[in-house]
Amino acid sequence: MEPGGDAITELAADHRELEDLFSQIELQPVDHPRRRELADRLTAELVRHTVAEEPHLYPAVRKHIPHGAAMADKELADHTRAEAMLKDLEDLSVDDPRFNDTIAKLKLEVASHVREEEHELFPKLAATHPPRPAAAERSLSPTRGSRRPRANCLSESRSSSGRR
């Protein structure tokens, strides 16, 4: 992804990547080994995305959005459900019928989570603090060093809580 955009834009771009991975999995024949490779890549991307959201996005939601604590708690519960499905998926081979069922359930869970974030949470958060100039850039995700979104309320929450 392109460096530069604000953190919300970067997280939304992650969502597109996840949707693309689900599509690639679905395009493969049911028992094709490539499905396993793609599922492993999907798992890595979901984990990386979660690592970016949990310590940065949800503290900002709690701090800047009215009733943000309830919203953040709901999103974290979504993460917990997805993580359980990822754990189940890890132990399944592509020729196991549960593999396809788990992918389908995970896709629904992630799609619902993405809709809530992009249609409710992100707009509310963006309305509280527009992005700052590029000179204030900070890294959102320590696992993807080339991504450097502009600092905004996500980085403010991190720095005001004493974490960097």
Foldseek 3Di string as FASTA:
>chain_A
DAAEAAPLVVLLVLLVVLVVLLVVLVVDPQQDQVNVVSLVVSVVSLVQSCQLCPLFPLLLQVVQFVVSVVVSVVLVVLSVVLVVLSVVLVPDHSVDPVNVVSSVVSVVSSVVSSCCCVVPVVVRSCVRKPFDDRVQWDDRGPVDVNHIYGDISRVVSCVVVVHD
